[in-house]
Structures are given as structure tokens and as C-alpha cells.
Amino acid sequence: MNIQIFGLKKCKDSQKAERFFKERRIQVHFCDLNVKNISKGELDAVVRCIPLENLIDTTSKQYEKKNLKYIVHDITEVLLEDALLLKTPIVRFGAKATVGYCPDIWNDWISS
């Protein structure tokens, strides 16, 4: 089982997601969005499971700072330019993905 988590080291939900899998002795590949942005291919894979509108954090300080509330923008371009606009954590397992802390879904992944 190979789990990939896109998140921020200081984000509580990202920390909880990483701890969830480590407690179950499942190897996790953690991608810190402060260090490296999500690639177009990775974003496309996530969008196959989660609508693009659900990935952008419209309540974040970064969203306000960029005035995206008042500007017409392409969500894909904005997310690829600034990964701090993503809701975290984004957890991928093969072709499946979740956004936020979703232990019930992850338990289903583990048991199948």
C-alpha cells in the first residue's frame, strides 16, 4: 500500500493524516506544499476523484491576499502557481483521492 499525502508540515489535519497511516504501519510519502508545488499530472489525477472547485481553499489567507474573490481566474492555473491555495491534506491511494481528514474512507482503503 503506497499512500501519498500533499499537505503542510504545520497543518494539523495534515499531521493527523500522516499519523493515521503511520500508526497502522503504512508507508507514507509526504509532499510538503511549502517546499514543492503539486505538479500538473498529480493535480489531474486528484481532479479525477475530487471536483476542482472542492480543492481550492476560498477561506485561506492566501486566497484573500491574492484577491481571488474579486478576480475571474482559472482554478487549475492558480493552484499550479500557488499550492498554498489547496485545501489540505490531499491523500492519494492509486486512483483514489480525498481532501481533508477522512479516516473512515482511509479505513475502507486499508480493509480492501
PDB file of N, CA and C in Angstrom:
ATOM      1  N   MET A   1       0.852  -1.174   0.000  1.00  0.00           N
ATOM      2  CA  MET A   1       0.000   0.000   0.000  1.00  0.00           C
ATOM      3  C   MET A   1       0.898   1.237   0.000  1.00  0.00           C
ATOM      4  N   ASN A   2       0.692   2.094  -0.991  1.00  0.00           N
ATOM      5  CA  ASN A   2       1.508   3.297  -1.117  1.00  0.00           C
ATOM      6  C   ASN A   2       0.598   4.523  -1.040  1.00  0.00           C
ATOM      7  N   ILE A   3       0.747   5.289   0.024  1.00  0.00           N
ATOM      8  CA  ILE A   3      -0.081   6.462   0.274  1.00  0.00           C
ATOM      9  C   ILE A   3       0.751   7.711   0.032  1.00  0.00           C
ATOM     10  N   GLN A   4       0.155   8.680  -0.646  1.00  0.00           N
ATOM     11  CA  GLN A   4       0.811   9.955  -0.905  1.00  0.00           C
ATOM     12  C   GLN A   4      -0.034  11.053  -0.268  1.00  0.00           C
ATOM     13  N   ILE A   5       0.599  11.885   0.556  1.00  0.00           N
ATOM     14  CA  ILE A   5      -0.104  12.977   1.224  1.00  0.00           C
ATOM     15  C   ILE A   5       0.498  14.297   0.779  1.00  0.00           C
ATOM     16  N   PHE A   6      -0.356  15.180   0.257  1.00  0.00           N
ATOM     17  CA  PHE A   6       0.046  16.548  -0.067  1.00  0.00           C
ATOM     18  C   PHE A   6      -0.498  17.421   1.054  1.00  0.00           C
ATOM     19  N   GLY A   7       0.398  18.112   1.730  1.00  0.00           N
ATOM     20  CA  GLY A   7      -0.045  18.936   2.845  1.00  0.00           C
ATOM     21  C   GLY A   7       1.039  19.889   3.286  1.00  0.00           C
ATOM     22  N   LEU A   8       0.832  20.442   4.456  1.00  0.00           N
ATOM     23  CA  LEU A   8       1.783  21.372   5.052  1.00  0.00           C
ATOM     24  C   LEU A   8       2.220  20.804   6.399  1.00  0.00           C
ATOM     25  N   LYS A   9       3.502  20.905   6.707  1.00  0.00           N
ATOM     26  CA  LYS A   9       4.019  20.354   7.961  1.00  0.00           C
ATOM     27  C   LYS A   9       3.343  20.986   9.175  1.00  0.00           C
ATOM     28  N   LYS A  10       2.924  22.247   9.074  1.00  0.00           N
ATOM     29  CA  LYS A  10       2.300  22.927  10.211  1.00  0.00           C
ATOM     30  C   LYS A  10       0.784  22.757  10.258  1.00  0.00           C
ATOM     31  N   CYS A  11       0.194  22.130   9.244  1.00  0.00           N
ATOM     32  CA  CYS A  11      -1.256  21.934   9.185  1.00  0.00           C
ATOM     33  C   CYS A  11      -1.651  20.763  10.100  1.00  0.00           C
ATOM     34  N   LYS A  12      -2.559  21.013  11.031  1.00  0.00           N
ATOM     35  CA  LYS A  12      -2.977  19.981  11.996  1.00  0.00           C
ATOM     36  C   LYS A  12      -3.617  18.777  11.306  1.00  0.00           C
ATOM     37  N   ASP A  13      -4.468  19.015  10.304  1.00  0.00           N
ATOM     38  CA  ASP A  13      -5.102  17.897   9.606  1.00  0.00           C
ATOM     39  C   ASP A  13      -4.085  17.072   8.818  1.00  0.00           C
ATOM     40  N   SER A  14      -3.076  17.729   8.251  1.00  0.00           N
ATOM     41  CA  SER A  14      -2.016  17.004   7.542  1.00  0.00           C
ATOM     42  C   SER A  14      -1.228  16.138   8.518  1.00  0.00           C
ATOM     43  N   GLN A  15      -0.946  16.667   9.699  1.00  0.00           N
ATOM     44  CA  GLN A  15      -0.236  15.907  10.725  1.00  0.00           C
ATOM     45  C   GLN A  15      -1.061  14.707  11.178  1.00  0.00           C
ATOM     46  N   LYS A  16      -2.379  14.929  11.360  1.00  0.00           N
ATOM     47  CA  LYS A  16      -3.251  13.835  11.781  1.00  0.00           C
ATOM     48  C   LYS A  16      -3.340  12.749  10.706  1.00  0.00           C
ATOM     49  N   ALA A  17      -3.380  13.152   9.441  1.00  0.00           N
ATOM     50  CA  ALA A  17      -3.438  12.179   8.348  1.00  0.00           C
ATOM     51  C   ALA A  17      -2.160  11.337   8.320  1.00  0.00           C
ATOM     52  N   GLU A  18      -1.025  12.001   8.441  1.00  0.00           N
ATOM     53  CA  GLU A  18       0.251  11.275   8.433  1.00  0.00           C
ATOM     54  C   GLU A  18       0.320  10.315   9.623  1.00  0.00           C
ATOM     55  N   ARG A  19      -0.093  10.762  10.783  1.00  0.00           N
ATOM     56  CA  ARG A  19      -0.088   9.918  11.980  1.00  0.00           C
ATOM     57  C   ARG A  19      -1.045   8.734  11.821  1.00  0.00           C
ATOM     58  N   PHE A  20      -2.213   8.957  11.202  1.00  0.00           N
ATOM     59  CA  PHE A  20      -3.200   7.895  10.982  1.00  0.00           C
ATOM     60  C   PHE A  20      -2.555   6.706  10.278  1.00  0.00           C
ATOM     61  N   PHE A  21      -1.829   6.964   9.198  1.00  0.00           N
ATOM     62  CA  PHE A  21      -1.226   5.871   8.424  1.00  0.00           C
ATOM     63  C   PHE A  21      -0.003   5.286   9.127  1.00  0.00           C
ATOM     64  N   LYS A  22       0.795   6.121   9.766  1.00  0.00           N
ATOM     65  CA  LYS A  22       1.985   5.610  10.462  1.00  0.00           C
ATOM     66  C   LYS A  22       1.606   4.708  11.627  1.00  0.00           C
ATOM     67  N   GLU A  23       0.505   5.042  12.320  1.00  0.00           N
ATOM     68  CA  GLU A  23       0.046   4.199  13.425  1.00  0.00           C
ATOM     69  C   GLU A  23      -0.371   2.816  12.927  1.00  0.00           C
ATOM     70  N   ARG A  24      -0.746   2.716  11.676  1.00  0.00           N
ATOM     71  CA  ARG A  24      -1.157   1.443  11.080  1.00  0.00           C
ATOM     72  C   ARG A  24      -0.021   0.803  10.276  1.00  0.00           C
ATOM     73  N   ARG A  25       1.171   1.348  10.464  1.00  0.00           N
ATOM     74  CA  ARG A  25       2.405   0.853   9.816  1.00  0.00           C
ATOM     75  C   ARG A  25       2.287   0.837   8.294  1.00  0.00           C
ATOM     76  N   ILE A  26       1.676   1.899   7.761  1.00  0.00           N
ATOM     77  CA  ILE A  26       1.538   2.046   6.318  1.00  0.00           C
ATOM     78  C   ILE A  26       2.494   3.144   5.884  1.00  0.00           C
ATOM     79  N   GLN A  27       3.322   2.821   4.906  1.00  0.00           N
ATOM     80  CA  GLN A  27       4.317   3.775   4.431  1.00  0.00           C
ATOM     81  C   GLN A  27       3.634   4.958   3.738  1.00  0.00           C
ATOM     82  N   VAL A  28       4.095   6.154   4.077  1.00  0.00           N
ATOM     83  CA  VAL A  28       3.518   7.389   3.555  1.00  0.00           C
ATOM     84  C   VAL A  28       4.603   8.197   2.857  1.00  0.00           C
ATOM     85  N   HIS A  29       4.254   8.740   1.700  1.00  0.00           N
ATOM     86  CA  HIS A  29       5.145   9.696   1.026  1.00  0.00           C
ATOM     87  C   HIS A  29       4.508  11.067   1.226  1.00  0.00           C
ATOM     88  N   PHE A  30       5.119  11.894   2.085  1.00  0.00           N
ATOM     89  CA  PHE A  30       4.565  13.205   2.411  1.00  0.00           C
ATOM     90  C   PHE A  30       5.203  14.259   1.520  1.00  0.00           C
ATOM     91  N   CYS A  31       4.372  15.024   0.815  1.00  0.00           N
ATOM     92  CA  CYS A  31       4.847  16.114  -0.038  1.00  0.00           C
ATOM     93  C   CYS A  31       4.460  17.433   0.617  1.00  0.00           C
ATOM     94  N   ASP A  32       5.454  18.152   1.129  1.00  0.00           N
ATOM     95  CA  ASP A  32       5.206  19.439   1.788  1.00  0.00           C
ATOM     96  C   ASP A  32       5.011  20.506   0.717  1.00  0.00           C
ATOM     97  N   LEU A  33       3.830  21.097   0.683  1.00  0.00           N
ATOM     98  CA  LEU A  33       3.500  22.091  -0.341  1.00  0.00           C
ATOM     99  C   LEU A  33       4.251  23.402  -0.150  1.00  0.00           C
ATOM    100  N   ASN A  34       4.864  23.609   1.007  1.00  0.00           N
ATOM    101  CA  ASN A  34       5.737  24.771   1.200  1.00  0.00           C
ATOM    102  C   ASN A  34       7.056  24.602   0.459  1.00  0.00           C
ATOM    103  N   VAL A  35       7.444  23.360   0.261  1.00  0.00           N
ATOM    104  CA  VAL A  35       8.724  23.044  -0.381  1.00  0.00           C
ATOM    105  C   VAL A  35       8.556  22.856  -1.882  1.00  0.00           C
ATOM    106  N   LYS A  36       7.513  22.118  -2.286  1.00  0.00           N
ATOM    107  CA  LYS A  36       7.328  21.779  -3.694  1.00  0.00           C
ATOM    108  C   LYS A  36       5.856  21.852  -4.057  1.00  0.00           C
ATOM    109  N   ASN A  37       5.544  22.554  -5.139  1.00  0.00           N
ATOM    110  CA  ASN A  37       4.167  22.636  -5.622  1.00  0.00           C
ATOM    111  C   ASN A  37       3.712  21.302  -6.187  1.00  0.00           C
ATOM    112  N   ILE A  38       2.418  21.124  -6.255  1.00  0.00           N
ATOM    113  CA  ILE A  38       1.837  19.936  -6.880  1.00  0.00           C
ATOM    114  C   ILE A  38       2.015  20.064  -8.394  1.00  0.00           C
ATOM    115  N   SER A  39       2.366  18.964  -9.044  1.00  0.00           N
ATOM    116  CA  SER A  39       2.573  19.008 -10.493  1.00  0.00           C
ATOM    117  C   SER A  39       1.234  18.907 -11.220  1.00  0.00           C
ATOM    118  N   LYS A  40       1.235  19.238 -12.506  1.00  0.00           N
ATOM    119  CA  LYS A  40       0.004  19.185 -13.303  1.00  0.00           C
ATOM    120  C   LYS A  40      -0.537  17.755 -13.357  1.00  0.00           C
ATOM    121  N   GLY A  41       0.347  16.777 -13.527  1.00  0.00           N
ATOM    122  CA  GLY A  41      -0.074  15.377 -13.580  1.00  0.00           C
ATOM    123  C   GLY A  41      -0.700  14.913 -12.274  1.00  0.00           C
ATOM    124  N   GLU A  42      -0.099  15.319 -11.154  1.00  0.00           N
ATOM    125  CA  GLU A  42      -0.643  14.944  -9.852  1.00  0.00           C
ATOM    126  C   GLU A  42      -1.999  15.605  -9.624  1.00  0.00           C
ATOM    127  N   LEU A  43      -2.101  16.888 -10.002  1.00  0.00           N
ATOM    128  CA  LEU A  43      -3.366  17.606  -9.856  1.00  0.00           C
ATOM    129  C   LEU A  43      -4.450  16.967 -10.723  1.00  0.00           C
ATOM    130  N   ASP A  44      -4.100  16.592 -11.952  1.00  0.00           N
ATOM    131  CA  ASP A  44      -5.059  15.929 -12.846  1.00  0.00           C
ATOM    132  C   ASP A  44      -5.561  14.617 -12.247  1.00  0.00           C
ATOM    133  N   ALA A  45      -4.650  13.858 -11.620  1.00  0.00           N
ATOM    134  CA  ALA A  45      -5.034  12.582 -11.006  1.00  0.00           C
ATOM    135  C   ALA A  45      -6.003  12.807  -9.843  1.00  0.00           C
ATOM    136  N   VAL A  46      -5.784  13.855  -9.071  1.00  0.00           N
ATOM    137  CA  VAL A  46      -6.669  14.165  -7.947  1.00  0.00           C
ATOM    138  C   VAL A  46      -8.025  14.640  -8.458  1.00  0.00           C
ATOM    139  N   VAL A  47      -8.027  15.438  -9.520  1.00  0.00           N
ATOM    140  CA  VAL A  47      -9.266  16.001 -10.065  1.00  0.00           C
ATOM    141  C   VAL A  47     -10.174  14.906 -10.639  1.00  0.00           C
ATOM    142  N   ARG A  48      -9.625  13.770 -10.987  1.00  0.00           N
ATOM    143  CA  ARG A  48     -10.455  12.652 -11.458  1.00  0.00           C
ATOM    144  C   ARG A  48     -11.380  12.144 -10.348  1.00  0.00           C
ATOM    145  N   CYS A  49     -10.992  12.368  -9.098  1.00  0.00           N
ATOM    146  CA  CYS A  49     -11.784  11.908  -7.950  1.00  0.00           C
ATOM    147  C   CYS A  49     -12.515  13.035  -7.235  1.00  0.00           C
ATOM    148  N   ILE A  50     -11.931  14.215  -7.250  1.00  0.00           N
ATOM    149  CA  ILE A  50     -12.464  15.348  -6.490  1.00  0.00           C
ATOM    150  C   ILE A  50     -12.652  16.521  -7.437  1.00  0.00           C
ATOM    151  N   PRO A  51     -13.841  17.128  -7.460  1.00  0.00           N
ATOM    152  CA  PRO A  51     -14.049  18.299  -8.323  1.00  0.00           C
ATOM    153  C   PRO A  51     -13.051  19.419  -7.994  1.00  0.00           C
ATOM    154  N   LEU A  52     -12.590  20.088  -9.013  1.00  0.00           N
ATOM    155  CA  LEU A  52     -11.594  21.145  -8.874  1.00  0.00           C
ATOM    156  C   LEU A  52     -12.034  22.229  -7.895  1.00  0.00           C
ATOM    157  N   GLU A  53     -13.313  22.573  -7.905  1.00  0.00           N
ATOM    158  CA  GLU A  53     -13.830  23.621  -7.027  1.00  0.00           C
ATOM    159  C   GLU A  53     -13.689  23.246  -5.558  1.00  0.00           C
ATOM    160  N   ASN A  54     -13.643  21.951  -5.252  1.00  0.00           N
ATOM    161  CA  ASN A  54     -13.506  21.491  -3.867  1.00  0.00           C
ATOM    162  C   ASN A  54     -12.064  21.502  -3.388  1.00  0.00           C
ATOM    163  N   LEU A  55     -11.117  21.731  -4.285  1.00  0.00           N
ATOM    164  CA  LEU A  55      -9.703  21.712  -3.908  1.00  0.00           C
ATOM    165  C   LEU A  55      -9.166  23.077  -3.489  1.00  0.00           C
ATOM    166  N   ILE A  56      -9.784  24.148  -3.967  1.00  0.00           N
ATOM    167  CA  ILE A  56      -9.274  25.479  -3.662  1.00  0.00           C
ATOM    168  C   ILE A  56      -9.866  25.961  -2.338  1.00  0.00           C
ATOM    169  N   ASP A  57      -9.008  26.447  -1.471  1.00  0.00           N
ATOM    170  CA  ASP A  57      -9.415  26.910  -0.148  1.00  0.00           C
ATOM    171  C   ASP A  57      -9.780  28.386  -0.211  1.00  0.00           C
ATOM    172  N   THR A  58     -11.069  28.653  -0.365  1.00  0.00           N
ATOM    173  CA  THR A  58     -11.537  30.040  -0.508  1.00  0.00           C
ATOM    174  C   THR A  58     -11.545  30.793   0.818  1.00  0.00           C
ATOM    175  N   THR A  59     -11.256  30.095   1.917  1.00  0.00           N
ATOM    176  CA  THR A  59     -11.225  30.754   3.219  1.00  0.00           C
ATOM    177  C   THR A  59      -9.800  31.051   3.685  1.00  0.00           C
ATOM    178  N   SER A  60      -8.815  30.707   2.866  1.00  0.00           N
ATOM    179  CA  SER A  60      -7.420  30.878   3.286  1.00  0.00           C
ATOM    180  C   SER A  60      -6.952  32.328   3.180  1.00  0.00           C
ATOM    181  N   LYS A  61      -5.926  32.632   3.950  1.00  0.00           N
ATOM    182  CA  LYS A  61      -5.310  33.963   3.891  1.00  0.00           C
ATOM    183  C   LYS A  61      -4.705  34.207   2.516  1.00  0.00           C
ATOM    184  N   GLN A  62      -4.172  33.163   1.918  1.00  0.00           N
ATOM    185  CA  GLN A  62      -3.542  33.268   0.601  1.00  0.00           C
ATOM    186  C   GLN A  62      -4.572  33.670  -0.455  1.00  0.00           C
ATOM    187  N   TYR A  63      -5.779  33.131  -0.357  1.00  0.00           N
ATOM    188  CA  TYR A  63      -6.864  33.452  -1.291  1.00  0.00           C
ATOM    189  C   TYR A  63      -7.225  34.934  -1.177  1.00  0.00           C
ATOM    190  N   GLU A  64      -7.317  35.416   0.062  1.00  0.00           N
ATOM    191  CA  GLU A  64      -7.606  36.835   0.290  1.00  0.00           C
ATOM    192  C   GLU A  64      -6.467  37.722  -0.194  1.00  0.00           C
ATOM    193  N   LYS A  65      -5.256  37.306   0.110  1.00  0.00           N
ATOM    194  CA  LYS A  65      -4.061  38.084  -0.248  1.00  0.00           C
ATOM    195  C   LYS A  65      -3.977  38.313  -1.762  1.00  0.00           C
ATOM    196  N   LYS A  66      -4.369  37.302  -2.524  1.00  0.00           N
ATOM    197  CA  LYS A  66      -4.311  37.396  -3.991  1.00  0.00           C
ATOM    198  C   LYS A  66      -5.592  38.005  -4.578  1.00  0.00           C
ATOM    199  N   ASN A  67      -6.545  38.369  -3.727  1.00  0.00           N
ATOM    200  CA  ASN A  67      -7.816  38.966  -4.157  1.00  0.00           C
ATOM    201  C   ASN A  67      -8.565  38.098  -5.170  1.00  0.00           C
ATOM    202  N   LEU A  68      -8.488  36.799  -5.034  1.00  0.00           N
ATOM    203  CA  LEU A  68      -9.121  35.894  -5.995  1.00  0.00           C
ATOM    204  C   LEU A  68     -10.644  35.926  -5.903  1.00  0.00           C
ATOM    205  N   LYS A  69     -11.157  36.439  -4.807  1.00  0.00           N
ATOM    206  CA  LYS A  69     -12.611  36.560  -4.651  1.00  0.00           C
ATOM    207  C   LYS A  69     -13.184  37.528  -5.692  1.00  0.00           C
ATOM    208  N   TYR A  70     -12.366  38.511  -6.089  1.00  0.00           N
ATOM    209  CA  TYR A  70     -12.832  39.574  -6.971  1.00  0.00           C
ATOM    210  C   TYR A  70     -12.307  39.467  -8.401  1.00  0.00           C
ATOM    211  N   ILE A  71     -11.501  38.447  -8.660  1.00  0.00           N
ATOM    212  CA  ILE A  71     -10.868  38.307  -9.969  1.00  0.00           C
ATOM    213  C   ILE A  71     -11.372  37.030 -10.631  1.00  0.00           C
ATOM    214  N   VAL A  72     -11.689  37.108 -11.912  1.00  0.00           N
ATOM    215  CA  VAL A  72     -12.017  35.904 -12.673  1.00  0.00           C
ATOM    216  C   VAL A  72     -10.697  35.171 -12.918  1.00  0.00           C
ATOM    217  N   HIS A  73     -10.648  33.905 -12.543  1.00  0.00           N
ATOM    218  CA  HIS A  73      -9.393  33.155 -12.657  1.00  0.00           C
ATOM    219  C   HIS A  73      -9.660  31.702 -13.046  1.00  0.00           C
ATOM    220  N   ASP A  74      -8.624  31.091 -13.616  1.00  0.00           N
ATOM    221  CA  ASP A  74      -8.662  29.668 -13.948  1.00  0.00           C
ATOM    222  C   ASP A  74      -8.138  28.917 -12.725  1.00  0.00           C
ATOM    223  N   ILE A  75      -8.979  28.116 -12.105  1.00  0.00           N
ATOM    224  CA  ILE A  75      -8.608  27.442 -10.860  1.00  0.00           C
ATOM    225  C   ILE A  75      -7.369  26.573 -11.039  1.00  0.00           C
ATOM    226  N   THR A  76      -7.279  25.848 -12.137  1.00  0.00           N
ATOM    227  CA  THR A  76      -6.122  24.978 -12.375  1.00  0.00           C
ATOM    228  C   THR A  76      -4.831  25.783 -12.396  1.00  0.00           C
ATOM    229  N   GLU A  77      -4.816  26.869 -13.149  1.00  0.00           N
ATOM    230  CA  GLU A  77      -3.610  27.698 -13.232  1.00  0.00           C
ATOM    231  C   GLU A  77      -3.228  28.260 -11.873  1.00  0.00           C
ATOM    232  N   VAL A  78      -4.217  28.746 -11.146  1.00  0.00           N
ATOM    233  CA  VAL A  78      -3.961  29.344  -9.832  1.00  0.00           C
ATOM    234  C   VAL A  78      -3.381  28.315  -8.874  1.00  0.00           C
ATOM    235  N   LEU A  79      -3.931  27.094  -8.877  1.00  0.00           N
ATOM    236  CA  LEU A  79      -3.441  26.050  -7.980  1.00  0.00           C
ATOM    237  C   LEU A  79      -2.039  25.588  -8.348  1.00  0.00           C
ATOM    238  N   LEU A  80      -1.744  25.539  -9.647  1.00  0.00           N
ATOM    239  CA  LEU A  80      -0.400  25.133 -10.072  1.00  0.00           C
ATOM    240  C   LEU A  80       0.633  26.202  -9.744  1.00  0.00           C
ATOM    241  N   GLU A  81       0.231  27.471  -9.770  1.00  0.00           N
ATOM    242  CA  GLU A  81       1.150  28.564  -9.435  1.00  0.00           C
ATOM    243  C   GLU A  81       1.394  28.659  -7.937  1.00  0.00           C
ATOM    244  N   ASP A  82       0.349  28.434  -7.132  1.00  0.00           N
ATOM    245  CA  ASP A  82       0.457  28.625  -5.690  1.00  0.00           C
ATOM    246  C   ASP A  82      -0.245  27.480  -4.965  1.00  0.00           C
ATOM    247  N   ALA A  83       0.537  26.505  -4.526  1.00  0.00           N
ATOM    248  CA  ALA A  83      -0.015  25.316  -3.876  1.00  0.00           C
ATOM    249  C   ALA A  83      -0.605  25.627  -2.505  1.00  0.00           C
ATOM    250  N   LEU A  84      -0.298  26.784  -1.946  1.00  0.00           N
ATOM    251  CA  LEU A  84      -0.856  27.140  -0.641  1.00  0.00           C
ATOM    252  C   LEU A  84      -2.354  27.441  -0.709  1.00  0.00           C
ATOM    253  N   LEU A  85      -2.900  27.493  -1.908  1.00  0.00           N
ATOM    254  CA  LEU A  85      -4.340  27.692  -2.086  1.00  0.00           C
ATOM    255  C   LEU A  85      -5.120  26.384  -2.002  1.00  0.00           C
ATOM    256  N   LEU A  86      -4.415  25.259  -1.962  1.00  0.00           N
ATOM    257  CA  LEU A  86      -5.075  23.953  -1.884  1.00  0.00           C
ATOM    258  C   LEU A  86      -5.589  23.682  -0.477  1.00  0.00           C
ATOM    259  N   LYS A  87      -6.741  23.024  -0.387  1.00  0.00           N
ATOM    260  CA  LYS A  87      -7.209  22.509   0.896  1.00  0.00           C
ATOM    261  C   LYS A  87      -6.309  21.328   1.227  1.00  0.00           C
ATOM    262  N   THR A  88      -5.962  21.165   2.469  1.00  0.00           N
ATOM    263  CA  THR A  88      -5.067  20.085   2.860  1.00  0.00           C
ATOM    264  C   THR A  88      -5.690  19.275   3.992  1.00  0.00           C
ATOM    265  N   PRO A  89      -5.289  18.033   4.127  1.00  0.00           N
ATOM    266  CA  PRO A  89      -4.392  17.275   3.270  1.00  0.00           C
ATOM    267  C   PRO A  89      -5.139  16.668   2.084  1.00  0.00           C
ATOM    268  N   ILE A  90      -4.402  16.471   1.017  1.00  0.00           N
ATOM    269  CA  ILE A  90      -4.904  15.692  -0.111  1.00  0.00           C
ATOM    270  C   ILE A  90      -4.194  14.348  -0.017  1.00  0.00           C
ATOM    271  N   VAL A  91      -4.966  13.287   0.115  1.00  0.00           N
ATOM    272  CA  VAL A  91      -4.406  11.943   0.291  1.00  0.00           C
ATOM    273  C   VAL A  91      -4.748  11.119  -0.938  1.00  0.00           C
ATOM    274  N   ARG A  92      -3.704  10.539  -1.549  1.00  0.00           N
ATOM    275  CA  ARG A  92      -3.901   9.697  -2.738  1.00  0.00           C
ATOM    276  C   ARG A  92      -3.508   8.264  -2.442  1.00  0.00           C
ATOM    277  N   PHE A  93      -4.308   7.355  -2.978  1.00  0.00           N
ATOM    278  CA  PHE A  93      -4.005   5.929  -2.930  1.00  0.00           C
ATOM    279  C   PHE A  93      -4.394   5.367  -4.284  1.00  0.00           C
ATOM    280  N   GLY A  94      -3.411   5.166  -5.148  1.00  0.00           N
ATOM    281  CA  GLY A  94      -3.689   4.706  -6.502  1.00  0.00           C
ATOM    282  C   GLY A  94      -4.537   5.727  -7.233  1.00  0.00           C
ATOM    283  N   ALA A  95      -5.691   5.293  -7.734  1.00  0.00           N
ATOM    284  CA  ALA A  95      -6.581   6.191  -8.473  1.00  0.00           C
ATOM    285  C   ALA A  95      -7.583   6.885  -7.555  1.00  0.00           C
ATOM    286  N   LYS A  96      -7.504   6.629  -6.245  1.00  0.00           N
ATOM    287  CA  LYS A  96      -8.434   7.220  -5.288  1.00  0.00           C
ATOM    288  C   LYS A  96      -7.786   8.426  -4.618  1.00  0.00           C
ATOM    289  N   ALA A  97      -8.620   9.375  -4.195  1.00  0.00           N
ATOM    290  CA  ALA A  97      -8.104  10.558  -3.507  1.00  0.00           C
ATOM    291  C   ALA A  97      -9.167  11.134  -2.582  1.00  0.00           C
ATOM    292  N   THR A  98      -8.700  11.781  -1.521  1.00  0.00           N
ATOM    293  CA  THR A  98      -9.584  12.505  -0.609  1.00  0.00           C
ATOM    294  C   THR A  98      -8.957  13.857  -0.308  1.00  0.00           C
ATOM    295  N   VAL A  99      -9.801  14.782   0.131  1.00  0.00           N
ATOM    296  CA  VAL A  99      -9.307  16.078   0.584  1.00  0.00           C
ATOM    297  C   VAL A  99      -9.852  16.290   1.994  1.00  0.00           C
ATOM    298  N   GLY A 100      -8.978  16.716   2.899  1.00  0.00           N
ATOM    299  CA  GLY A 100      -9.359  16.875   4.294  1.00  0.00           C
ATOM    300  C   GLY A 100      -9.060  15.612   5.080  1.00  0.00           C
ATOM    301  N   TYR A 101      -9.425  15.624   6.345  1.00  0.00           N
ATOM    302  CA  TYR A 101      -9.191  14.484   7.227  1.00  0.00           C
ATOM    303  C   TYR A 101     -10.370  13.523   7.106  1.00  0.00           C
ATOM    304  N   CYS A 102     -10.150  12.352   6.502  1.00  0.00           N
ATOM    305  CA  CYS A 102     -11.226  11.391   6.192  1.00  0.00           C
ATOM    306  C   CYS A 102     -10.866   9.974   6.654  1.00  0.00           C
ATOM    307  N   PRO A 103     -10.753   9.733   7.962  1.00  0.00           N
ATOM    308  CA  PRO A 103     -10.322   8.410   8.434  1.00  0.00           C
ATOM    309  C   PRO A 103     -11.258   7.269   8.049  1.00  0.00           C
ATOM    310  N   ASP A 104     -12.560   7.531   7.922  1.00  0.00           N
ATOM    311  CA  ASP A 104     -13.495   6.455   7.549  1.00  0.00           C
ATOM    312  C   ASP A 104     -13.197   5.932   6.147  1.00  0.00           C
ATOM    313  N   ILE A 105     -12.945   6.832   5.226  1.00  0.00           N
ATOM    314  CA  ILE A 105     -12.619   6.435   3.848  1.00  0.00           C
ATOM    315  C   ILE A 105     -11.275   5.704   3.823  1.00  0.00           C
ATOM    316  N   TRP A 106     -10.315   6.207   4.582  1.00  0.00           N
ATOM    317  CA  TRP A 106      -8.993   5.575   4.605  1.00  0.00           C
ATOM    318  C   TRP A 106      -9.068   4.174   5.203  1.00  0.00           C
ATOM    319  N   ASN A 107      -9.904   3.988   6.198  1.00  0.00           N
ATOM    320  CA  ASN A 107     -10.092   2.643   6.764  1.00  0.00           C
ATOM    321  C   ASN A 107     -10.651   1.685   5.714  1.00  0.00           C
ATOM    322  N   ASP A 108     -11.565   2.182   4.860  1.00  0.00           N
ATOM    323  CA  ASP A 108     -12.084   1.353   3.772  1.00  0.00           C
ATOM    324  C   ASP A 108     -10.972   0.963   2.814  1.00  0.00           C
ATOM    325  N   TRP A 109     -10.064   1.905   2.512  1.00  0.00           N
ATOM    326  CA  TRP A 109      -8.944   1.605   1.629  1.00  0.00           C
ATOM    327  C   TRP A 109      -8.073   0.499   2.226  1.00  0.00           C
ATOM    328  N   ILE A 110      -7.815   0.580   3.511  1.00  0.00           N
ATOM    329  CA  ILE A 110      -6.937  -0.378   4.206  1.00  0.00           C
ATOM    330  C   ILE A 110      -7.581  -1.756   4.229  1.00  0.00           C
ATOM    331  N   SER A 111      -8.887  -1.813   4.501  1.00  0.00           N
ATOM    332  CA  SER A 111      -9.544  -3.106   4.657  1.00  0.00           C
ATOM    333  C   SER A 111      -9.797  -3.820   3.321  1.00  0.00           C
ATOM    334  N   SER A 112      -9.734  -3.082   2.207  1.00  0.00           N
ATOM    335  CA  SER A 112      -9.992  -3.739   0.913  1.00  0.00           C
ATOM    336  C   SER A 112      -8.735  -4.247   0.266  1.00  0.00           C
TER     337      SER A 112
END
